[in-house]
Amino acid sequence: MLTSVKYILIMILLLSSCDKRKESVIELKSPNAKISMHFSVNSNGEPWYMVHHKTETIIDTSFVGFQFKNKTIKVNHTTLLNMSLASGGGMAIHIKEVANY
């Protein structure tokens, strides 16, 4: 399931630079459907996720960001340059920070 989550996060990052007209939510469920994860991109182009266990919200709306050497960069302030997945499950993401708005 962790690999699936990585692929979904990659898709969210890629989709965050696309059409921002309608917010659609991607839902992933555990095999027994007790845990669900919801992913989307808001109208500002910021990717977010939520996690539920049965009917309880475990992680409320949390925005996806990156931390590099004690510096946090929000996704809507970056440009994706390159991304790749390693066979061992690791992920390499190369981004460029753009000026804050």
C-alpha atoms as a PDB file:
ATOM      1  CA  MET A   1       0.000   0.000   0.000  1.00  0.00           C
ATOM      2  CA  LEU A   2       2.942   2.337   0.678  1.00  0.00           C
ATOM      3  CA  THR A   3       3.969   2.123  -2.971  1.00  0.00           C
ATOM      4  CA  SER A   4       0.410   3.001  -4.003  1.00  0.00           C
ATOM      5  CA  VAL A   5       0.480   6.044  -1.725  1.00  0.00           C
ATOM      6  CA  LYS A   6       3.745   7.181  -3.333  1.00  0.00           C
ATOM      7  CA  TYR A   7       2.204   6.916  -6.794  1.00  0.00           C
ATOM      8  CA  ILE A   8      -0.880   8.842  -5.663  1.00  0.00           C
ATOM      9  CA  LEU A   9       1.302  11.588  -4.159  1.00  0.00           C
ATOM     10  CA  ILE A  10       3.225  11.800  -7.419  1.00  0.00           C
ATOM     11  CA  MET A  11      -0.024  12.156  -9.340  1.00  0.00           C
ATOM     12  CA  ILE A  12      -1.209  14.876  -6.963  1.00  0.00           C
ATOM     13  CA  LEU A  13       2.029  16.788  -7.451  1.00  0.00           C
ATOM     14  CA  LEU A  14       1.697  16.537 -11.200  1.00  0.00           C
ATOM     15  CA  LEU A  15      -1.979  17.444 -11.189  1.00  0.00           C
ATOM     16  CA  SER A  16      -1.415  20.450  -8.923  1.00  0.00           C
ATOM     17  CA  SER A  17      -0.012  22.344 -11.903  1.00  0.00           C
ATOM     18  CA  CYS A  18      -2.975  21.461 -14.117  1.00  0.00           C
ATOM     19  CA  ASP A  19      -6.555  22.637 -14.354  1.00  0.00           C
ATOM     20  CA  LYS A  20      -7.814  24.205 -11.116  1.00  0.00           C
ATOM     21  CA  ARG A  21     -11.513  24.543 -12.029  1.00  0.00           C
ATOM     22  CA  LYS A  22     -12.956  21.684 -10.005  1.00  0.00           C
ATOM     23  CA  GLU A  23     -11.624  20.018  -6.873  1.00  0.00           C
ATOM     24  CA  SER A  24     -11.912  16.260  -7.230  1.00  0.00           C
ATOM     25  CA  VAL A  25     -10.982  13.903  -4.412  1.00  0.00           C
ATOM     26  CA  ILE A  26      -9.050  10.657  -4.874  1.00  0.00           C
ATOM     27  CA  GLU A  27      -9.854   8.017  -2.268  1.00  0.00           C
ATOM     28  CA  LEU A  28      -7.721   5.002  -1.315  1.00  0.00           C
ATOM     29  CA  LYS A  29      -9.002   2.310   1.040  1.00  0.00           C
ATOM     30  CA  SER A  30      -7.251  -0.435   2.962  1.00  0.00           C
ATOM     31  CA  PRO A  31      -8.137  -4.007   1.938  1.00  0.00           C
ATOM     32  CA  ASN A  32     -10.656  -4.264   4.798  1.00  0.00           C
ATOM     33  CA  ALA A  33     -11.958  -0.711   4.070  1.00  0.00           C
ATOM     34  CA  LYS A  34     -11.401   0.417   7.668  1.00  0.00           C
ATOM     35  CA  ILE A  35      -8.754   2.986   6.735  1.00  0.00           C
ATOM     36  CA  SER A  36      -9.306   5.485   3.952  1.00  0.00           C
ATOM     37  CA  MET A  37      -7.088   8.243   2.600  1.00  0.00           C
ATOM     38  CA  HIS A  38      -8.414  11.170   0.596  1.00  0.00           C
ATOM     39  CA  PHE A  39      -6.178  13.265  -1.671  1.00  0.00           C
ATOM     40  CA  SER A  40      -6.977  16.405  -3.626  1.00  0.00           C
ATOM     41  CA  VAL A  41      -5.697  19.796  -4.739  1.00  0.00           C
ATOM     42  CA  ASN A  42      -7.496  22.915  -3.527  1.00  0.00           C
ATOM     43  CA  SER A  43      -8.362  25.963  -5.646  1.00  0.00           C
ATOM     44  CA  ASN A  44      -4.971  27.531  -4.770  1.00  0.00           C
ATOM     45  CA  GLY A  45      -3.142  24.540  -6.268  1.00  0.00           C
ATOM     46  CA  GLU A  46      -2.089  23.157  -2.872  1.00  0.00           C
ATOM     47  CA  PRO A  47      -2.250  19.350  -2.554  1.00  0.00           C
ATOM     48  CA  TRP A  48      -3.792  18.009   0.659  1.00  0.00           C
ATOM     49  CA  TYR A  49      -4.787  14.700   2.236  1.00  0.00           C
ATOM     50  CA  MET A  50      -6.984  13.324   5.039  1.00  0.00           C
ATOM     51  CA  VAL A  51      -6.936   9.942   6.795  1.00  0.00           C
ATOM     52  CA  HIS A  52      -9.969   8.224   8.360  1.00  0.00           C
ATOM     53  CA  HIS A  53     -10.312   5.064  10.440  1.00  0.00           C
ATOM     54  CA  LYS A  54     -13.870   3.816  10.018  1.00  0.00           C
ATOM     55  CA  THR A  55     -15.845   7.019  10.696  1.00  0.00           C
ATOM     56  CA  GLU A  56     -13.175   8.780  12.796  1.00  0.00           C
ATOM     57  CA  THR A  57     -10.898  11.398  11.254  1.00  0.00           C
ATOM     58  CA  ILE A  58      -7.320  10.473  12.191  1.00  0.00           C
ATOM     59  CA  ILE A  59      -5.543  13.185  10.174  1.00  0.00           C
ATOM     60  CA  ASP A  60      -7.651  16.187   9.215  1.00  0.00           C
ATOM     61  CA  THR A  61      -6.886  18.284   6.154  1.00  0.00           C
ATOM     62  CA  SER A  62      -3.092  18.338   5.968  1.00  0.00           C
ATOM     63  CA  PHE A  63      -1.230  20.065   3.174  1.00  0.00           C
ATOM     64  CA  VAL A  64       1.601  18.283   1.398  1.00  0.00           C
ATOM     65  CA  GLY A  65       4.958  20.016   1.637  1.00  0.00           C
ATOM     66  CA  PHE A  66       8.635  19.165   1.641  1.00  0.00           C
ATOM     67  CA  GLN A  67      11.351  19.784   4.195  1.00  0.00           C
ATOM     68  CA  PHE A  68      14.954  20.207   3.069  1.00  0.00           C
ATOM     69  CA  LYS A  69      17.690  20.774   5.631  1.00  0.00           C
ATOM     70  CA  ASN A  70      15.376  22.453   8.151  1.00  0.00           C
ATOM     71  CA  LYS A  71      13.585  24.483   5.486  1.00  0.00           C
ATOM     72  CA  THR A  72       9.963  23.845   4.557  1.00  0.00           C
ATOM     73  CA  ILE A  73       8.853  24.598   1.009  1.00  0.00           C
ATOM     74  CA  LYS A  74       5.165  24.659   0.122  1.00  0.00           C
ATOM     75  CA  VAL A  75       4.271  22.893  -3.086  1.00  0.00           C
ATOM     76  CA  ASN A  76       2.568  25.898  -4.686  1.00  0.00           C
ATOM     77  CA  HIS A  77       5.878  27.798  -4.383  1.00  0.00           C
ATOM     78  CA  THR A  78       7.850  25.215  -6.325  1.00  0.00           C
ATOM     79  CA  THR A  79       8.381  23.933  -9.814  1.00  0.00           C
ATOM     80  CA  LEU A  80       8.816  20.204 -10.316  1.00  0.00           C
ATOM     81  CA  LEU A  81      11.971  19.547 -12.330  1.00  0.00           C
ATOM     82  CA  ASN A  82      12.277  15.766 -12.182  1.00  0.00           C
ATOM     83  CA  MET A  83      10.937  12.829 -10.197  1.00  0.00           C
ATOM     84  CA  SER A  84      11.821   9.136 -10.154  1.00  0.00           C
ATOM     85  CA  LEU A  85      11.046   6.021  -8.124  1.00  0.00           C
ATOM     86  CA  ALA A  86      13.786   3.588  -7.131  1.00  0.00           C
ATOM     87  CA  SER A  87      13.216  -0.164  -7.294  1.00  0.00           C
ATOM     88  CA  GLY A  88      13.655  -0.380  -3.507  1.00  0.00           C
ATOM     89  CA  GLY A  89      10.713   1.948  -2.918  1.00  0.00           C
ATOM     90  CA  GLY A  90      12.673   5.183  -2.490  1.00  0.00           C
ATOM     91  CA  MET A  91      11.698   8.385  -4.228  1.00  0.00           C
ATOM     92  CA  ALA A  92      13.897  11.143  -5.668  1.00  0.00           C
ATOM     93  CA  ILE A  93      12.261  14.509  -6.263  1.00  0.00           C
ATOM     94  CA  HIS A  94      14.122  17.460  -7.763  1.00  0.00           C
ATOM     95  CA  ILE A  95      12.354  20.781  -7.385  1.00  0.00           C
ATOM     96  CA  LYS A  96      13.137  24.455  -7.735  1.00  0.00           C
ATOM     97  CA  GLU A  97      11.765  27.016  -5.293  1.00  0.00           C
ATOM     98  CA  VAL A  98      10.140  30.041  -6.872  1.00  0.00           C
ATOM     99  CA  ALA A  99       9.577  33.424  -5.277  1.00  0.00           C
ATOM    100  CA  ASN A 100       6.851  33.637  -2.650  1.00  0.00           C
ATOM    101  CA  TYR A 101       3.716  35.372  -3.808  1.00  0.00           C
END
